[in-house]
Amino acid sequence: MKHLSLLALLATPALADAPVVERATATHTGSTWTIAVTLSHPDTGWDHYADGWEVLDETGTRLGVRDLLHPHVTEQPFTRSLSGIAIPKGTGSIRIRARCQVDGWSDTTFEMPLP
C-alpha cells in the first residue's frame, strides 16, 4: 500500500511558481490609458510560460487583456504594454493579474493607484 501512495505522489504534476507582476505604469493619453507591466516567471519554454495578464477595475471587471504569444526564458523579468484601455472616470486604482499557460490565472493581483 505504501508503494501506491508514493506512486500517486510522483504522478501528481508539480506546479511552478505563479507569474509575478513586479511593477506597472499607467499613462493617460486622451480618453484611454496605456498600461505597461513587468512580469517575472520561471518560463521553461513553449511547454510552460507566462502567457498573459489582465487589467481589472476596483470591482473586478476586466478592462483589458494582453496575451503573450511566446516564452521569455532568457528575458526575465520582462515588460509588455497594452494601449487603448478605457478606464472609467473616477476609478482610483486598477488591479493587474497574470496568467501562466499551465497553471492559469494567478490568485494574487497587483494593485496600482492611478495618477
C-alpha atoms as a PDB file:
ATOM      1  CA  MET A   1       0.000   0.000   0.000  1.00  0.00           C
ATOM      2  CA  LYS A   2       2.912   2.358   0.727  1.00  0.00           C
ATOM      3  CA  HIS A   3       4.090   1.977  -2.852  1.00  0.00           C
ATOM      4  CA  LEU A   4       0.723   3.078  -4.242  1.00  0.00           C
ATOM      5  CA  SER A   5       0.742   6.256  -2.150  1.00  0.00           C
ATOM      6  CA  LEU A   6       4.249   7.112  -3.283  1.00  0.00           C
ATOM      7  CA  LEU A   7       3.328   6.374  -6.882  1.00  0.00           C
ATOM      8  CA  ALA A   8       0.302   8.676  -6.623  1.00  0.00           C
ATOM      9  CA  LEU A   9       2.509  11.491  -5.322  1.00  0.00           C
ATOM     10  CA  LEU A  10       5.003  11.011  -8.138  1.00  0.00           C
ATOM     11  CA  ALA A  11       2.212  11.118 -10.725  1.00  0.00           C
ATOM     12  CA  THR A  12       0.919  14.467  -9.437  1.00  0.00           C
ATOM     13  CA  PRO A  13       2.218  17.328 -11.590  1.00  0.00           C
ATOM     14  CA  ALA A  14       4.367  19.865  -9.787  1.00  0.00           C
ATOM     15  CA  LEU A  15       3.054  23.396 -10.054  1.00  0.00           C
ATOM     16  CA  ALA A  16       5.622  26.039 -10.852  1.00  0.00           C
ATOM     17  CA  ASP A  17       5.713  29.458  -9.288  1.00  0.00           C
ATOM     18  CA  ALA A  18       2.897  31.710 -10.437  1.00  0.00           C
ATOM     19  CA  PRO A  19       3.780  34.670 -12.646  1.00  0.00           C
ATOM     20  CA  VAL A  20       4.517  37.757 -10.562  1.00  0.00           C
ATOM     21  CA  VAL A  21       3.710  41.345 -11.502  1.00  0.00           C
ATOM     22  CA  GLU A  22       6.899  43.105 -10.426  1.00  0.00           C
ATOM     23  CA  ARG A  23       5.750  46.633 -11.341  1.00  0.00           C
ATOM     24  CA  ALA A  24       3.417  48.526 -13.634  1.00  0.00           C
ATOM     25  CA  THR A  25       2.947  52.008 -15.033  1.00  0.00           C
ATOM     26  CA  ALA A  26      -0.114  53.780 -16.371  1.00  0.00           C
ATOM     27  CA  THR A  27      -0.059  56.602 -18.907  1.00  0.00           C
ATOM     28  CA  HIS A  28      -3.201  58.571 -19.727  1.00  0.00           C
ATOM     29  CA  THR A  29      -3.464  59.826 -23.311  1.00  0.00           C
ATOM     30  CA  GLY A  30      -6.712  61.436 -24.417  1.00  0.00           C
ATOM     31  CA  SER A  31      -9.580  59.181 -23.367  1.00  0.00           C
ATOM     32  CA  THR A  32      -7.577  55.949 -22.968  1.00  0.00           C
ATOM     33  CA  TRP A  33      -4.682  54.539 -20.984  1.00  0.00           C
ATOM     34  CA  THR A  34      -1.550  52.556 -21.774  1.00  0.00           C
ATOM     35  CA  ILE A  35      -0.550  50.064 -19.107  1.00  0.00           C
ATOM     36  CA  ALA A  36       2.993  48.638 -19.067  1.00  0.00           C
ATOM     37  CA  VAL A  37       3.506  45.565 -16.897  1.00  0.00           C
ATOM     38  CA  THR A  38       6.761  43.930 -15.836  1.00  0.00           C
ATOM     39  CA  LEU A  39       6.354  40.195 -15.147  1.00  0.00           C
ATOM     40  CA  SER A  40       8.640  37.502 -13.844  1.00  0.00           C
ATOM     41  CA  HIS A  41       8.007  33.766 -14.187  1.00  0.00           C
ATOM     42  CA  PRO A  42      10.275  30.725 -14.389  1.00  0.00           C
ATOM     43  CA  ASP A  43       9.451  30.095 -18.061  1.00  0.00           C
ATOM     44  CA  THR A  44      10.872  26.778 -19.264  1.00  0.00           C
ATOM     45  CA  GLY A  45       9.998  27.102 -22.956  1.00  0.00           C
ATOM     46  CA  TRP A  46       6.960  26.525 -25.151  1.00  0.00           C
ATOM     47  CA  ASP A  47       5.625  23.913 -22.722  1.00  0.00           C
ATOM     48  CA  HIS A  48       5.364  26.303 -19.749  1.00  0.00           C
ATOM     49  CA  TYR A  49       5.426  30.095 -19.774  1.00  0.00           C
ATOM     50  CA  ALA A  50       3.583  33.214 -18.590  1.00  0.00           C
ATOM     51  CA  ASP A  51       1.100  33.785 -21.379  1.00  0.00           C
ATOM     52  CA  GLY A  52      -0.831  36.892 -20.397  1.00  0.00           C
ATOM     53  CA  TRP A  53      -2.062  39.494 -17.978  1.00  0.00           C
ATOM     54  CA  GLU A  54      -5.285  41.411 -17.474  1.00  0.00           C
ATOM     55  CA  VAL A  55      -6.310  44.809 -16.154  1.00  0.00           C
ATOM     56  CA  LEU A  56      -9.245  44.849 -13.742  1.00  0.00           C
ATOM     57  CA  ASP A  57     -11.116  47.760 -12.197  1.00  0.00           C
ATOM     58  CA  GLU A  58     -11.786  48.057  -8.464  1.00  0.00           C
ATOM     59  CA  THR A  59     -14.820  45.746  -8.717  1.00  0.00           C
ATOM     60  CA  GLY A  60     -13.034  43.040 -10.720  1.00  0.00           C
ATOM     61  CA  THR A  61     -14.430  43.969 -14.139  1.00  0.00           C
ATOM     62  CA  ARG A  62     -11.954  43.230 -16.927  1.00  0.00           C
ATOM     63  CA  LEU A  63     -10.834  46.397 -18.726  1.00  0.00           C
ATOM     64  CA  GLY A  64      -8.258  44.771 -20.994  1.00  0.00           C
ATOM     65  CA  VAL A  65      -6.163  41.674 -21.554  1.00  0.00           C
ATOM     66  CA  ARG A  66      -2.687  41.273 -23.009  1.00  0.00           C
ATOM     67  CA  ASP A  67      -1.868  37.849 -24.446  1.00  0.00           C
ATOM     68  CA  LEU A  68       1.790  36.876 -24.517  1.00  0.00           C
ATOM     69  CA  LEU A  69       2.465  34.663 -27.509  1.00  0.00           C
ATOM     70  CA  HIS A  70       5.872  33.182 -26.693  1.00  0.00           C
ATOM     71  CA  PRO A  71       8.092  32.247 -23.743  1.00  0.00           C
ATOM     72  CA  HIS A  72      10.623  34.643 -22.237  1.00  0.00           C
ATOM     73  CA  VAL A  73      13.117  32.095 -20.911  1.00  0.00           C
ATOM     74  CA  THR A  74      16.190  34.334 -21.159  1.00  0.00           C
ATOM     75  CA  GLU A  75      14.402  37.661 -20.678  1.00  0.00           C
ATOM     76  CA  GLN A  76      13.354  37.833 -17.030  1.00  0.00           C
ATOM     77  CA  PRO A  77      11.739  39.945 -15.840  1.00  0.00           C
ATOM     78  CA  PHE A  78      10.189  41.352 -18.999  1.00  0.00           C
ATOM     79  CA  THR A  79       7.861  44.271 -19.758  1.00  0.00           C
ATOM     80  CA  ARG A  80       4.989  44.454 -22.229  1.00  0.00           C
ATOM     81  CA  SER A  81       2.309  47.109 -22.646  1.00  0.00           C
ATOM     82  CA  LEU A  82      -1.310  47.360 -23.708  1.00  0.00           C
ATOM     83  CA  SER A  83      -2.782  50.548 -25.168  1.00  0.00           C
ATOM     84  CA  GLY A  84      -6.320  51.775 -25.678  1.00  0.00           C
ATOM     85  CA  ILE A  85      -7.693  50.767 -22.280  1.00  0.00           C
ATOM     86  CA  ALA A  86     -10.829  52.694 -21.323  1.00  0.00           C
ATOM     87  CA  ILE A  87     -10.788  53.214 -17.567  1.00  0.00           C
ATOM     88  CA  PRO A  88     -13.962  54.802 -16.193  1.00  0.00           C
ATOM     89  CA  LYS A  89     -13.542  58.321 -14.849  1.00  0.00           C
ATOM     90  CA  GLY A  90     -13.280  58.361 -11.070  1.00  0.00           C
ATOM     91  CA  THR A  91     -11.515  54.992 -10.872  1.00  0.00           C
ATOM     92  CA  GLY A  92      -8.880  55.337  -8.165  1.00  0.00           C
ATOM     93  CA  SER A  93      -6.882  52.192  -8.834  1.00  0.00           C
ATOM     94  CA  ILE A  94      -6.623  49.179 -11.087  1.00  0.00           C
ATOM     95  CA  ARG A  95      -5.564  45.589 -10.455  1.00  0.00           C
ATOM     96  CA  ILE A  96      -3.347  43.501 -12.696  1.00  0.00           C
ATOM     97  CA  ARG A  97      -3.432  39.719 -12.676  1.00  0.00           C
ATOM     98  CA  ALA A  98      -1.004  37.462 -14.537  1.00  0.00           C
ATOM     99  CA  ARG A  99      -1.630  34.118 -16.222  1.00  0.00           C
ATOM    100  CA  CYS A 100       0.505  31.040 -16.869  1.00  0.00           C
ATOM    101  CA  GLN A 101      -0.428  28.664 -19.685  1.00  0.00           C
ATOM    102  CA  VAL A 102      -0.107  25.637 -17.383  1.00  0.00           C
ATOM    103  CA  ASP A 103      -1.404  26.901 -14.029  1.00  0.00           C
ATOM    104  CA  GLY A 104      -3.922  29.518 -15.230  1.00  0.00           C
ATOM    105  CA  TRP A 105      -4.683  32.847 -13.578  1.00  0.00           C
ATOM    106  CA  SER A 106      -2.694  33.820 -10.505  1.00  0.00           C
ATOM    107  CA  ASP A 107      -4.567  34.011  -7.208  1.00  0.00           C
ATOM    108  CA  THR A 108      -2.925  37.341  -6.400  1.00  0.00           C
ATOM    109  CA  THR A 109      -3.339  40.721  -8.044  1.00  0.00           C
ATOM    110  CA  PHE A 110      -1.094  43.753  -8.205  1.00  0.00           C
ATOM    111  CA  GLU A 111      -2.943  46.903  -7.152  1.00  0.00           C
ATOM    112  CA  MET A 112      -1.855  50.170  -8.704  1.00  0.00           C
ATOM    113  CA  PRO A 113      -3.245  53.615  -7.837  1.00  0.00           C
ATOM    114  CA  LEU A 114      -3.914  55.740 -10.894  1.00  0.00           C
ATOM    115  CA  PRO A 115      -2.123  59.071 -11.173  1.00  0.00           C
END
